[in-house]
Amino acid sequence: MPLATAGTLHGVLIVTQPARQPASDEDAVQLSTFAGQAALALERAQAQEERQQLAVLEDRERIARDLHDVVIQRLFATGMHLQGAVHQAAPAVAGRINAAVDDLDATIRDIRRSIFELRTPAGPSSLRTELHETVEGAAEALGFRPVLDTSGPVDSAIPDDVKPEILAVLREALSNIARHAEATTTRISLRAGDGAVALSVEDNGIGFDPARARGGVVNMGERAHDLGGTFEIGSPSSGTGTVLTWCVPIGG
């Protein structure tokens, strides 16, 4: 007997009894009534669960918005003020100020990571979708929308433990471009195949000095090393801007 309401099937009710005791018309009516009530109960429980999930998502979005619009902006402004004071300070004090700015940068990265996790849908989502969302989310800070190119079995071949690492590296790369590169274009390429996944992020900015690698750049290299991969950052073949390549094995 179907458990259905308004054309929506929630399940099937199966009732058995000895063959020597056939069901009467009254039994059939009672079972039909029970099945209808059970279907309504299931529908109500589902609706309540959806309302609760919506409330949670609204709270997560509000928290993420407050973190982005208030906390990060204040930390960024504080960092800018400190950087402006470096040139007026004694060398020993300037070193401590630079260390404090590095700590603020690390805190901002952690908060951005938390914002991304808060805004990540609770249900399953493809890596391609999350890549597009990350690129769209960075467009405002960059002042332009980066070009994203994916190839190969990105969603099926990349292990679940590697996907968050790729997204974290991409977020860090885009954040660095927005803050330091003065770029007007950025091209992102993610390719999966031949037993490896390679992420490339190239911009046309002012370039990068590997000797000044700090915080986030070091973390990108550590993420690749932990997965048995490689990380390189330098100038593209054109000689203008910066290109980073993050590559790890994925087997198969």
Protein backbone atom coordinates (compact mmCIF):
# COMPACT_ATOMS: atom_id res chain seq x y z
CA MET A 1 0.00 0.00 0.00
CA PRO A 2 1.60 3.35 -1.05
CA LEU A 3 2.42 6.05 1.49
CA ALA A 4 1.55 9.06 -0.65
CA THR A 5 0.18 12.60 -0.33
CA ALA A 6 -0.86 14.86 -3.19
CA GLY A 7 0.85 12.67 -5.72
CA THR A 8 4.14 12.42 -3.77
CA LEU A 9 5.22 8.91 -2.93
CA HIS A 10 7.06 8.64 0.41
CA GLY A 11 7.24 4.86 0.65
CA VAL A 12 5.27 1.65 0.65
CA LEU A 13 3.43 0.00 3.53
CA ILE A 14 3.54 -3.79 3.45
CA VAL A 15 1.14 -5.75 5.68
CA THR A 16 0.96 -9.54 5.86
CA GLN A 17 -1.39 -11.93 7.61
CA PRO A 18 -2.11 -15.66 7.53
CA ALA A 19 -3.69 -16.88 4.30
CA ARG A 20 -6.52 -18.51 6.26
CA GLN A 21 -7.62 -15.09 7.54
CA PRO A 22 -8.32 -12.93 4.45
CA ALA A 23 -8.56 -9.18 4.98
CA SER A 24 -12.01 -7.70 5.27
CA ASP A 25 -13.21 -4.45 3.74
CA GLU A 26 -12.98 -2.85 7.17
CA ASP A 27 -9.33 -3.90 7.46
CA ALA A 28 -8.61 -2.36 4.06
CA VAL A 29 -10.22 0.94 5.10
CA GLN A 30 -8.24 1.06 8.36
CA LEU A 31 -4.98 0.28 6.58
CA SER A 32 -5.67 2.96 3.98
CA THR A 33 -6.39 5.49 6.74
CA PHE A 34 -3.23 4.51 8.60
CA ALA A 35 -1.16 4.76 5.42
CA GLY A 36 -2.52 8.27 4.74
CA GLN A 37 -1.74 9.42 8.28
CA ALA A 38 1.75 7.92 8.12
CA ALA A 39 2.40 9.70 4.81
CA LEU A 40 1.28 13.01 6.31
CA ALA A 41 3.56 12.46 9.30
CA LEU A 42 6.50 11.76 7.01
CA GLU A 43 5.77 14.86 4.93
CA ARG A 44 5.49 17.02 8.03
CA ALA A 45 8.77 15.66 9.41
CA GLN A 46 10.47 16.36 6.09
CA ALA A 47 9.09 19.90 5.97
CA GLN A 48 10.27 20.55 9.52
CA GLU A 49 13.73 19.25 8.69
CA GLU A 50 13.90 21.51 5.64
CA ARG A 51 12.86 24.52 7.73
CA GLN A 52 15.55 23.74 10.30
CA GLN A 53 18.16 23.33 7.58
CA LEU A 54 17.12 26.63 6.02
CA ALA A 55 17.45 28.36 9.41
CA VAL A 56 20.95 26.91 9.83
CA LEU A 57 21.97 28.04 6.34
CA GLU A 58 20.65 31.54 7.01
CA ASP A 59 22.65 31.71 10.25
CA ARG A 60 25.78 30.45 8.49
CA GLU A 61 25.37 33.06 5.76
CA ARG A 62 24.85 35.83 8.33
CA ILE A 63 27.97 34.80 10.25
CA ALA A 64 29.99 34.57 7.04
CA ARG A 65 28.78 38.02 5.95
CA ASP A 66 29.67 39.57 9.31
CA LEU A 67 33.12 37.97 9.25
CA HIS A 68 33.78 39.25 5.74
CA ASP A 69 32.25 42.72 5.99
CA VAL A 70 33.33 43.60 9.53
CA VAL A 71 36.09 41.43 10.97
CA ILE A 72 38.28 41.01 7.89
CA GLN A 73 37.94 44.68 6.90
CA ARG A 74 39.02 45.82 10.37
CA LEU A 75 41.97 43.43 10.43
CA PHE A 76 43.01 44.52 6.94
CA ALA A 77 42.79 48.21 7.91
CA THR A 78 44.85 47.55 11.04
CA GLY A 79 47.47 45.80 8.93
CA MET A 80 47.62 48.75 6.53
CA HIS A 81 48.11 51.18 9.42
CA LEU A 82 50.91 49.05 10.83
CA GLN A 83 52.63 48.80 7.45
CA GLY A 84 52.44 52.58 7.13
CA ALA A 85 54.22 52.94 10.48
CA VAL A 86 57.11 50.63 9.56
CA HIS A 87 59.06 53.35 7.73
CA GLN A 88 58.90 55.62 10.79
CA ALA A 89 60.04 53.02 13.30
CA ALA A 90 63.47 51.90 14.48
CA PRO A 91 64.75 48.66 12.88
CA ALA A 92 63.97 46.54 15.95
CA VAL A 93 60.46 47.94 16.18
CA ALA A 94 59.95 47.59 12.42
CA GLY A 95 60.76 43.89 12.69
CA ARG A 96 58.12 43.43 15.38
CA ILE A 97 55.58 45.37 13.30
CA ASN A 98 56.26 43.18 10.26
CA ALA A 99 55.80 40.08 12.42
CA ALA A 100 52.48 41.45 13.66
CA VAL A 101 51.38 42.13 10.07
CA ASP A 102 52.27 38.54 9.13
CA ASP A 103 50.14 37.31 12.02
CA LEU A 104 47.24 39.46 10.83
CA ASP A 105 47.62 38.05 7.30
CA ALA A 106 47.53 34.51 8.68
CA THR A 107 44.43 35.34 10.73
CA ILE A 108 42.69 36.81 7.69
CA ARG A 109 43.47 33.66 5.70
CA ASP A 110 42.03 31.51 8.46
CA ILE A 111 38.87 33.61 8.59
CA ARG A 112 38.48 33.47 4.81
CA ARG A 113 38.82 29.70 4.97
CA SER A 114 36.11 29.63 7.64
CA ILE A 115 33.88 31.86 5.50
CA PHE A 116 34.29 29.52 2.56
CA GLU A 117 33.39 26.52 4.73
CA LEU A 118 30.36 28.34 6.12
CA ARG A 119 29.13 29.07 2.62
CA THR A 120 29.85 25.60 1.28
CA PRO A 121 26.57 23.70 0.75
CA ALA A 122 25.95 20.93 3.26
CA GLY A 123 25.09 18.44 0.52
CA PRO A 124 27.43 16.95 -2.04
CA SER A 125 28.88 19.41 -4.54
CA SER A 126 31.14 18.90 -7.54
CA LEU A 127 34.68 20.24 -7.52
CA ARG A 128 33.98 22.15 -10.73
CA THR A 129 31.07 23.91 -9.02
CA GLU A 130 33.21 24.84 -6.02
CA LEU A 131 35.98 26.11 -8.28
CA HIS A 132 33.53 28.38 -10.12
CA GLU A 133 32.12 29.63 -6.81
CA THR A 134 35.62 30.38 -5.53
CA VAL A 135 36.47 32.32 -8.69
CA GLU A 136 33.20 34.27 -8.55
CA GLY A 137 33.79 35.03 -4.88
CA ALA A 138 37.23 36.50 -5.63
CA ALA A 139 36.08 38.69 -8.52
CA GLU A 140 35.06 41.63 -6.32
CA ALA A 141 38.41 41.81 -4.51
CA LEU A 142 40.35 41.42 -7.76
CA GLY A 143 38.31 43.93 -9.74
CA PHE A 144 37.86 41.45 -12.58
CA ARG A 145 36.74 37.86 -13.10
CA PRO A 146 39.56 35.34 -13.59
CA VAL A 147 39.42 32.90 -16.49
CA LEU A 148 38.90 29.30 -15.31
CA ASP A 149 39.73 26.27 -17.43
CA THR A 150 39.30 22.66 -16.31
CA SER A 151 40.10 19.51 -18.22
CA GLY A 152 40.06 15.79 -17.54
CA PRO A 153 37.97 13.84 -15.00
CA VAL A 154 38.17 16.60 -12.38
CA ASP A 155 35.15 15.45 -10.38
CA SER A 156 35.64 11.69 -10.58
CA ALA A 157 39.42 11.15 -10.56
CA ILE A 158 40.54 13.53 -7.82
CA PRO A 159 40.36 11.94 -4.33
CA ASP A 160 38.14 13.59 -1.72
CA ASP A 161 41.12 14.40 0.52
CA VAL A 162 42.85 16.30 -2.32
CA LYS A 163 39.88 18.48 -3.33
CA PRO A 164 39.95 20.70 -0.20
CA GLU A 165 43.68 21.21 -0.68
CA ILE A 166 43.16 22.39 -4.27
CA LEU A 167 40.49 24.86 -3.17
CA ALA A 168 42.64 26.13 -0.30
CA VAL A 169 45.62 26.72 -2.63
CA LEU A 170 43.41 28.48 -5.17
CA ARG A 171 41.89 30.75 -2.52
CA GLU A 172 45.32 31.65 -1.19
CA ALA A 173 46.65 32.34 -4.69
CA LEU A 174 43.71 34.61 -5.58
CA SER A 175 43.99 36.40 -2.24
CA ASN A 176 47.68 37.11 -2.84
CA ILE A 177 46.94 38.42 -6.35
CA ALA A 178 44.22 40.72 -5.02
CA ARG A 179 46.47 42.13 -2.30
CA HIS A 180 49.89 42.32 -3.93
CA ALA A 181 49.99 41.66 -7.68
CA GLU A 182 48.26 44.75 -9.12
CA ALA A 183 47.10 42.43 -11.90
CA THR A 184 44.37 43.02 -14.47
CA THR A 185 44.01 39.43 -15.67
CA THR A 186 44.35 35.99 -14.12
CA ARG A 187 44.07 32.58 -15.75
CA ILE A 188 43.40 29.45 -13.71
CA SER A 189 43.89 25.97 -15.11
CA LEU A 190 43.10 22.66 -13.39
CA ARG A 191 43.96 19.48 -15.24
CA ALA A 192 43.45 15.90 -14.07
CA GLY A 193 44.99 12.96 -15.89
CA ASP A 194 48.01 10.69 -16.24
CA GLY A 195 47.99 9.97 -12.52
CA ALA A 196 48.25 13.59 -11.37
CA VAL A 197 46.28 16.79 -10.90
CA ALA A 198 47.91 20.12 -11.71
CA LEU A 199 46.66 23.56 -10.70
CA SER A 200 48.15 26.58 -12.47
CA VAL A 201 47.41 30.21 -11.59
CA GLU A 202 48.95 32.90 -13.79
CA ASP A 203 48.56 36.69 -13.58
CA ASN A 204 49.98 39.71 -15.40
CA GLY A 205 50.91 41.65 -12.28
CA ILE A 206 54.13 43.14 -10.98
CA GLY A 207 55.76 39.77 -10.36
CA PHE A 208 56.92 37.85 -7.32
CA ASP A 209 60.26 37.57 -5.57
CA PRO A 210 60.70 33.95 -4.33
CA ALA A 211 63.12 35.21 -1.68
CA ARG A 212 60.19 37.02 -0.02
CA ALA A 213 58.00 33.93 0.22
CA ARG A 214 56.04 33.99 3.47
CA GLY A 215 52.99 32.54 5.17
CA GLY A 216 50.51 31.49 2.54
CA VAL A 217 53.08 30.76 -0.18
CA VAL A 218 54.99 28.51 2.20
CA ASN A 219 51.74 26.76 3.13
CA MET A 220 51.03 26.01 -0.54
CA GLY A 221 54.36 24.26 -0.83
CA GLU A 222 53.76 22.30 2.36
CA ARG A 223 50.35 21.16 1.15
CA ALA A 224 51.91 19.80 -2.03
CA HIS A 225 54.79 18.16 -0.15
CA ASP A 226 52.43 16.45 2.30
CA LEU A 227 50.65 14.84 -0.66
CA GLY A 228 53.88 13.82 -2.38
CA GLY A 229 53.65 16.58 -4.98
CA THR A 230 55.51 19.66 -6.14
CA PHE A 231 55.02 23.42 -5.99
CA GLU A 232 56.72 26.08 -8.10
CA ILE A 233 56.26 29.83 -8.33
CA GLY A 234 58.04 32.27 -10.61
CA SER A 235 57.73 34.29 -13.80
CA PRO A 236 55.78 33.00 -16.82
CA SER A 237 57.35 32.57 -20.24
CA SER A 238 56.14 36.04 -21.18
CA GLY A 239 58.34 37.46 -18.43
CA THR A 240 55.51 39.55 -16.99
CA GLY A 241 53.54 38.63 -13.89
CA THR A 242 53.61 35.46 -11.81
CA VAL A 243 52.71 31.84 -12.42
CA LEU A 244 52.39 29.17 -9.77
CA THR A 245 52.03 25.46 -10.43
CA TRP A 246 50.79 23.05 -7.79
CA CYS A 247 50.86 19.38 -8.76
CA VAL A 248 50.15 16.19 -6.77
CA PRO A 249 49.73 12.53 -7.73
CA ILE A 250 46.22 11.09 -7.67
CA GLY A 251 46.92 7.55 -8.83
CA GLY A 252 45.12 5.64 -11.56
